[in-house]
């Protein structure tokens, strides 16, 4: 496991061929990354059997072999745009859902002393979640399974991976957050809420080929299903509105606009609402939408 420190940079690029790091890429900016964790885990299988007559330690295992390898990138960042988020739901970071996803390659540079570089490829976003607390900057977490981590005798490499391309440019814009929310409606009715959370969860199936030379033998990551989540705490003023929607159990459209980008959640249903009535503080409802059938980001 490796964790990128304050002297590091991580950036990404779409792949043309799954698992192949592009040549001379112009890398793209993720956001204000606070943590990047690269986790490699061997799959180990111990085995036992009857030993030779002359053998000792008959109670011990006969041997142990590596049978596979898992590779994953975990990110925590503050968004400046929503481009990277959209790779979890659409080809080419598009505005509407697609059943297939682009594979991504990641470049890592550590600038503590002599610059060192690392390449990761064959990644697709499995899970990505956004949380926006009241009066706070939005936080995004993402889990990205990968096919390959490029190794060399002088690993990490001392030669940049961009070639004649370019590293990602920081847009230098402020991180987005609660104060950037300009529209929040359900069924066309405006309401107040805090602690907003939403995410996209792709059930990715790793397709493996033992003859493949990548670290994990993965030749593709195929989405099997997708779940879109949305929850929040609604203020007391919205209690009657959500009571009607809950007991009617109809499908609603929730619209959330953050600094000019609009998230449209379709088919939102409320199987449960929880009222929090307190002797001190503001009364709230916990709202967890289910049955979301579509998400568009425009």
Protein backbone atom coordinates (compact mmCIF):
# COMPACT_ATOMS: atom_id res chain seq x y z
CA UNK A 1 0.00 0.00 0.00
CA UNK A 2 1.25 3.48 -0.87
CA UNK A 3 -0.27 6.80 0.20
CA UNK A 4 0.46 9.97 -1.74
CA UNK A 5 1.78 12.73 0.51
CA UNK A 6 1.75 16.52 0.31
CA UNK A 7 4.60 16.54 -2.23
CA UNK A 8 2.76 14.35 -4.70
CA UNK A 9 0.40 14.80 -7.63
CA UNK A 10 -2.10 12.40 -9.15
CA UNK A 11 -3.80 12.92 -12.52
CA UNK A 12 -5.70 10.83 -15.06
CA UNK A 13 -6.46 10.28 -18.74
CA UNK A 14 -8.94 8.24 -20.77
CA UNK A 15 -7.48 5.07 -22.27
CA UNK A 16 -7.86 4.14 -25.92
CA UNK A 17 -7.13 0.48 -25.17
CA UNK A 18 -8.09 -1.03 -21.82
CA UNK A 19 -5.07 -1.46 -19.58
CA UNK A 20 -2.66 0.42 -21.85
CA UNK A 21 -1.22 3.70 -20.62
CA UNK A 22 -1.54 6.24 -23.47
CA UNK A 23 1.57 7.55 -25.21
CA UNK A 24 2.35 11.26 -24.79
CA UNK A 25 -0.90 11.94 -22.91
CA UNK A 26 -2.30 15.32 -21.95
CA UNK A 27 -3.32 14.49 -18.40
CA UNK A 28 -6.53 15.70 -16.75
CA UNK A 29 -7.15 17.26 -13.34
CA UNK A 30 -9.21 15.33 -10.77
CA UNK A 31 -9.83 18.00 -8.16
CA UNK A 32 -8.17 19.06 -4.92
CA UNK A 33 -6.98 15.62 -3.89
CA UNK A 34 -6.52 15.18 -0.16
CA UNK A 35 -5.67 11.49 -0.14
CA UNK A 36 -4.66 8.94 -2.76
CA UNK A 37 -4.16 5.36 -1.62
CA UNK A 38 -2.82 2.69 -3.97
CA UNK A 39 -3.50 -0.75 -2.56
CA UNK A 40 -2.04 -3.98 -3.95
CA UNK A 41 -3.10 -7.23 -2.34
CA UNK A 42 -1.83 -10.72 -3.19
CA UNK A 43 -4.30 -13.60 -3.17
CA UNK A 44 -2.54 -16.38 -1.32
CA UNK A 45 -3.63 -20.00 -1.09
CA UNK A 46 -2.09 -22.38 1.42
CA UNK A 47 -2.31 -26.08 0.71
CA UNK A 48 -1.85 -29.29 2.66
CA UNK A 49 -1.25 -32.92 1.76
CA UNK A 50 0.21 -36.14 3.01
CA UNK A 51 3.94 -35.75 3.31
CA UNK A 52 6.80 -38.10 2.65
CA UNK A 53 7.63 -40.72 5.24
CA UNK A 54 10.90 -38.98 6.03
CA UNK A 55 9.28 -35.55 6.38
CA UNK A 56 9.06 -33.70 9.68
CA UNK A 57 6.50 -31.14 10.85
CA UNK A 58 3.52 -33.06 9.48
CA UNK A 59 1.13 -30.56 11.07
CA UNK A 60 2.40 -27.65 9.00
CA UNK A 61 1.18 -26.60 5.57
CA UNK A 62 2.76 -28.26 2.56
CA UNK A 63 3.17 -24.98 0.68
CA UNK A 64 1.79 -21.57 -0.21
CA UNK A 65 1.36 -19.97 -3.64
CA UNK A 66 0.15 -16.66 -4.99
CA UNK A 67 -3.00 -17.26 -7.04
CA UNK A 68 -3.87 -13.73 -8.02
CA UNK A 69 -3.58 -10.03 -7.28
CA UNK A 70 -5.99 -7.19 -6.53
CA UNK A 71 -5.10 -3.58 -7.29
CA UNK A 72 -7.19 -0.59 -6.22
CA UNK A 73 -6.94 3.19 -6.09
CA UNK A 74 -8.86 5.02 -3.37
CA UNK A 75 -9.30 8.78 -3.68
CA UNK A 76 -10.55 11.54 -1.43
CA UNK A 77 -10.87 14.97 -3.00
CA UNK A 78 -12.71 18.28 -3.00
CA UNK A 79 -14.41 18.98 -6.35
CA UNK A 80 -13.79 22.06 -8.45
CA UNK A 81 -15.78 20.60 -11.35
CA UNK A 82 -17.82 17.42 -11.77
CA UNK A 83 -15.98 15.98 -14.79
CA UNK A 84 -14.21 13.15 -12.97
CA UNK A 85 -17.45 12.18 -11.16
CA UNK A 86 -19.21 11.70 -14.50
CA UNK A 87 -16.79 8.95 -15.58
CA UNK A 88 -18.67 6.74 -13.08
CA UNK A 89 -21.88 7.06 -15.09
CA UNK A 90 -21.17 7.88 -18.73
CA UNK A 91 -18.74 7.44 -21.60
CA UNK A 92 -16.50 10.45 -22.22
CA UNK A 93 -17.79 12.00 -18.99
CA UNK A 94 -21.11 12.62 -20.72
CA UNK A 95 -24.28 14.08 -19.27
CA UNK A 96 -26.47 10.95 -19.34
CA UNK A 97 -26.12 7.35 -18.18
CA UNK A 98 -24.46 4.75 -20.41
CA UNK A 99 -24.16 1.01 -19.85
CA UNK A 100 -20.45 1.00 -20.67
CA UNK A 101 -17.71 3.06 -19.06
CA UNK A 102 -14.36 4.42 -20.16
CA UNK A 103 -11.23 2.90 -18.71
CA UNK A 104 -8.86 5.37 -17.10
CA UNK A 105 -5.11 5.54 -16.57
CA UNK A 106 -3.53 7.42 -13.67
CA UNK A 107 -0.16 9.07 -13.34
CA UNK A 108 1.47 9.70 -9.98
CA UNK A 109 4.41 12.02 -9.39
CA UNK A 110 6.24 12.36 -6.10
CA UNK A 111 8.22 15.61 -6.01
CA UNK A 112 9.86 15.11 -2.62
CA UNK A 113 13.51 15.37 -3.66
CA UNK A 114 14.22 13.74 -7.03
CA UNK A 115 10.90 13.43 -8.92
CA UNK A 116 9.60 9.86 -9.12
CA UNK A 117 6.77 8.68 -11.35
CA UNK A 118 4.29 5.81 -11.28
CA UNK A 119 1.77 4.64 -13.88
CA UNK A 120 -1.54 2.86 -13.22
CA UNK A 121 -3.87 1.64 -15.96
CA UNK A 122 -7.06 -0.29 -16.61
CA UNK A 123 -9.16 1.56 -14.05
CA UNK A 124 -12.90 2.09 -13.93
CA UNK A 125 -14.80 3.89 -11.19
CA UNK A 126 -16.60 1.33 -9.08
CA UNK A 127 -17.96 3.59 -6.35
CA UNK A 128 -18.05 7.35 -6.01
CA UNK A 129 -19.82 9.28 -3.25
CA UNK A 130 -20.32 12.97 -2.53
CA UNK A 131 -21.15 14.45 0.87
CA UNK A 132 -22.03 18.10 1.41
CA UNK A 133 -22.48 19.13 5.02
CA UNK A 134 -23.94 22.48 6.03
CA UNK A 135 -21.47 25.36 5.65
CA UNK A 136 -18.81 22.95 4.38
CA UNK A 137 -16.85 22.08 1.27
CA UNK A 138 -18.06 19.02 -0.66
CA UNK A 139 -16.04 15.84 -0.14
CA UNK A 140 -15.79 13.10 -2.76
CA UNK A 141 -14.54 9.54 -2.20
CA UNK A 142 -13.92 7.11 -5.03
CA UNK A 143 -12.89 3.45 -5.27
CA UNK A 144 -11.29 2.44 -8.55
CA UNK A 145 -10.20 -1.14 -9.28
CA UNK A 146 -7.20 -1.31 -11.61
CA UNK A 147 -5.61 -3.83 -13.95
CA UNK A 148 -1.98 -2.76 -13.98
CA UNK A 149 0.75 -0.98 -12.07
CA UNK A 150 3.84 -0.49 -14.21
CA UNK A 151 6.98 -1.75 -12.54
CA UNK A 152 10.62 -1.26 -13.46
CA UNK A 153 14.01 -2.05 -11.97
CA UNK A 154 14.20 1.53 -10.72
CA UNK A 155 10.55 1.62 -9.65
CA UNK A 156 9.10 4.20 -9.21
CA UNK A 157 10.30 5.42 -12.58
CA UNK A 158 12.51 8.47 -12.75
CA UNK A 159 11.26 9.38 -16.24
CA UNK A 160 7.99 11.26 -16.62
CA UNK A 161 5.10 9.36 -18.20
CA UNK A 162 3.79 12.31 -20.25
CA UNK A 163 6.56 12.26 -22.88
CA UNK A 164 5.78 15.09 -25.28
CA UNK A 165 2.32 15.45 -23.71
CA UNK A 166 1.55 17.54 -20.65
CA UNK A 167 0.70 17.27 -16.99
CA UNK A 168 -2.77 18.31 -15.83
CA UNK A 169 -3.35 22.00 -15.23
CA UNK A 170 -4.90 23.08 -11.94
CA UNK A 171 -7.93 25.27 -12.80
CA UNK A 172 -7.13 27.26 -9.64
CA UNK A 173 -10.84 27.61 -8.89
CA UNK A 174 -12.30 27.32 -5.40
CA UNK A 175 -13.56 24.00 -4.08
CA UNK A 176 -17.34 23.63 -4.38
CA UNK A 177 -19.58 23.21 -1.37
CA UNK A 178 -22.82 23.93 0.47
CA UNK A 179 -22.83 27.66 -0.30
CA UNK A 180 -22.71 26.87 -4.03
CA UNK A 181 -26.12 25.16 -3.98
CA UNK A 182 -28.58 27.39 -5.81
CA UNK A 183 -31.46 25.01 -6.57
CA UNK A 184 -32.92 22.12 -4.58
CA UNK A 185 -36.39 20.87 -5.50
CA UNK A 186 -38.49 17.73 -5.29
CA UNK A 187 -41.40 17.45 -7.70
CA UNK A 188 -40.77 21.08 -8.66
CA UNK A 189 -41.17 22.34 -5.08
CA UNK A 190 -38.24 24.09 -3.41
CA UNK A 191 -37.17 22.96 0.04
CA UNK A 192 -34.30 23.42 2.48
CA UNK A 193 -31.93 20.62 3.43
CA UNK A 194 -28.49 19.88 4.76
CA UNK A 195 -26.10 16.92 4.91
CA UNK A 196 -26.71 16.06 1.27
CA UNK A 197 -25.18 12.80 0.06
CA UNK A 198 -25.32 11.21 -3.37
CA UNK A 199 -23.34 8.63 -5.26
CA UNK A 200 -23.00 6.16 -8.10
CA UNK A 201 -22.16 2.53 -7.41
CA UNK A 202 -21.18 0.23 -10.27
CA UNK A 203 -21.01 -3.51 -9.70
CA UNK A 204 -17.91 -4.22 -11.80
CA UNK A 205 -17.03 -7.74 -12.90
CA UNK A 206 -13.34 -8.32 -13.47
CA UNK A 207 -12.71 -10.36 -16.62
CA UNK A 208 -9.42 -12.24 -16.30
CA UNK A 209 -7.16 -14.12 -18.68
CA UNK A 210 -4.30 -16.12 -17.09
CA UNK A 211 -2.24 -15.53 -20.24
CA UNK A 212 -2.52 -11.77 -19.80
CA UNK A 213 0.69 -10.17 -18.60
CA UNK A 214 -0.81 -7.45 -16.40
CA UNK A 215 -0.27 -7.58 -12.66
CA UNK A 216 -3.88 -8.71 -12.07
CA UNK A 217 -4.54 -10.67 -15.32
CA UNK A 218 -7.58 -8.39 -15.80
CA UNK A 219 -8.49 -7.72 -19.44
CA UNK A 220 -11.66 -5.72 -18.73
CA UNK A 221 -13.94 -4.45 -15.97
CA UNK A 222 -17.57 -4.88 -17.03
CA UNK A 223 -20.47 -3.13 -15.22
CA UNK A 224 -23.09 -5.68 -14.12
CA UNK A 225 -25.51 -3.31 -12.41
CA UNK A 226 -25.65 0.27 -11.11
CA UNK A 227 -27.21 1.89 -8.04
CA UNK A 228 -27.67 5.63 -7.62
CA UNK A 229 -28.06 6.92 -4.06
CA UNK A 230 -29.42 10.19 -2.66
CA UNK A 231 -30.10 11.24 0.92
CA UNK A 232 -30.33 14.40 3.00
CA UNK A 233 -31.76 16.02 6.11
CA UNK A 234 -34.81 18.16 5.30
CA UNK A 235 -35.78 21.11 7.47
CA UNK A 236 -39.02 21.32 9.45
CA UNK A 237 -40.58 23.57 6.83
CA UNK A 238 -40.54 20.66 4.36
CA UNK A 239 -42.16 18.07 6.65
CA UNK A 240 -45.62 18.31 5.11
CA UNK A 241 -44.20 18.16 1.60
CA UNK A 242 -42.26 14.98 2.28
CA UNK A 243 -45.10 13.41 4.28
CA UNK A 244 -47.32 13.68 1.21
CA UNK A 245 -44.62 12.21 -1.02
CA UNK A 246 -43.84 9.41 1.44
CA UNK A 247 -47.41 8.21 1.97
CA UNK A 248 -48.25 8.57 -1.69
CA UNK A 249 -45.06 6.66 -2.59
CA UNK A 250 -44.90 8.28 -6.00
CA UNK A 251 -41.81 8.70 -8.13
CA UNK A 252 -40.41 12.19 -8.03
CA UNK A 253 -37.67 14.16 -9.72
CA UNK A 254 -35.11 15.79 -7.44
CA UNK A 255 -33.10 18.64 -8.95
CA UNK A 256 -29.89 19.87 -7.34
CA UNK A 257 -27.85 22.70 -8.85
CA UNK A 258 -24.35 23.40 -7.61
CA UNK A 259 -22.53 26.40 -9.08
CA UNK A 260 -24.21 26.10 -12.47
CA UNK A 261 -24.10 22.29 -12.74
CA UNK A 262 -27.49 20.59 -12.42
CA UNK A 263 -27.99 17.05 -11.12
CA UNK A 264 -31.38 15.61 -12.10
CA UNK A 265 -32.36 12.47 -10.17
CA UNK A 266 -35.38 10.71 -11.71
CA UNK A 267 -37.72 8.15 -10.15
CA UNK A 268 -36.95 9.05 -6.54
CA UNK A 269 -39.17 7.26 -4.02
CA UNK A 270 -39.38 7.52 -0.25
CA UNK A 271 -39.85 4.16 1.47
CA UNK A 272 -39.16 5.74 4.86
CA UNK A 273 -38.91 9.12 6.50
CA UNK A 274 -37.60 9.68 10.00
CA UNK A 275 -38.72 12.72 12.00
CA UNK A 276 -36.24 14.12 14.50
CA UNK A 277 -38.08 16.35 16.97
CA UNK A 278 -35.71 17.87 19.55
CA UNK A 279 -36.12 20.08 22.58
CA UNK A 280 -33.09 22.02 21.39
CA UNK A 281 -32.03 22.71 17.83
CA UNK A 282 -33.99 22.51 14.60
CA UNK A 283 -36.43 19.70 13.85
CA UNK A 284 -35.37 17.67 10.82
CA UNK A 285 -36.30 14.65 8.72
CA UNK A 286 -33.85 12.03 7.45
CA UNK A 287 -34.71 11.40 3.80
CA UNK A 288 -33.30 8.40 1.94
CA UNK A 289 -34.48 8.09 -1.64
CA UNK A 290 -34.60 4.72 -3.39
CA UNK A 291 -35.71 3.45 -6.78
CA UNK A 292 -33.72 6.11 -8.64
CA UNK A 293 -33.96 5.23 -12.32
CA UNK A 294 -31.89 7.94 -13.95
CA UNK A 295 -29.30 10.63 -13.34
CA UNK A 296 -28.33 13.44 -15.68
CA UNK A 297 -25.64 16.05 -15.03
CA UNK A 298 -25.83 19.16 -17.18
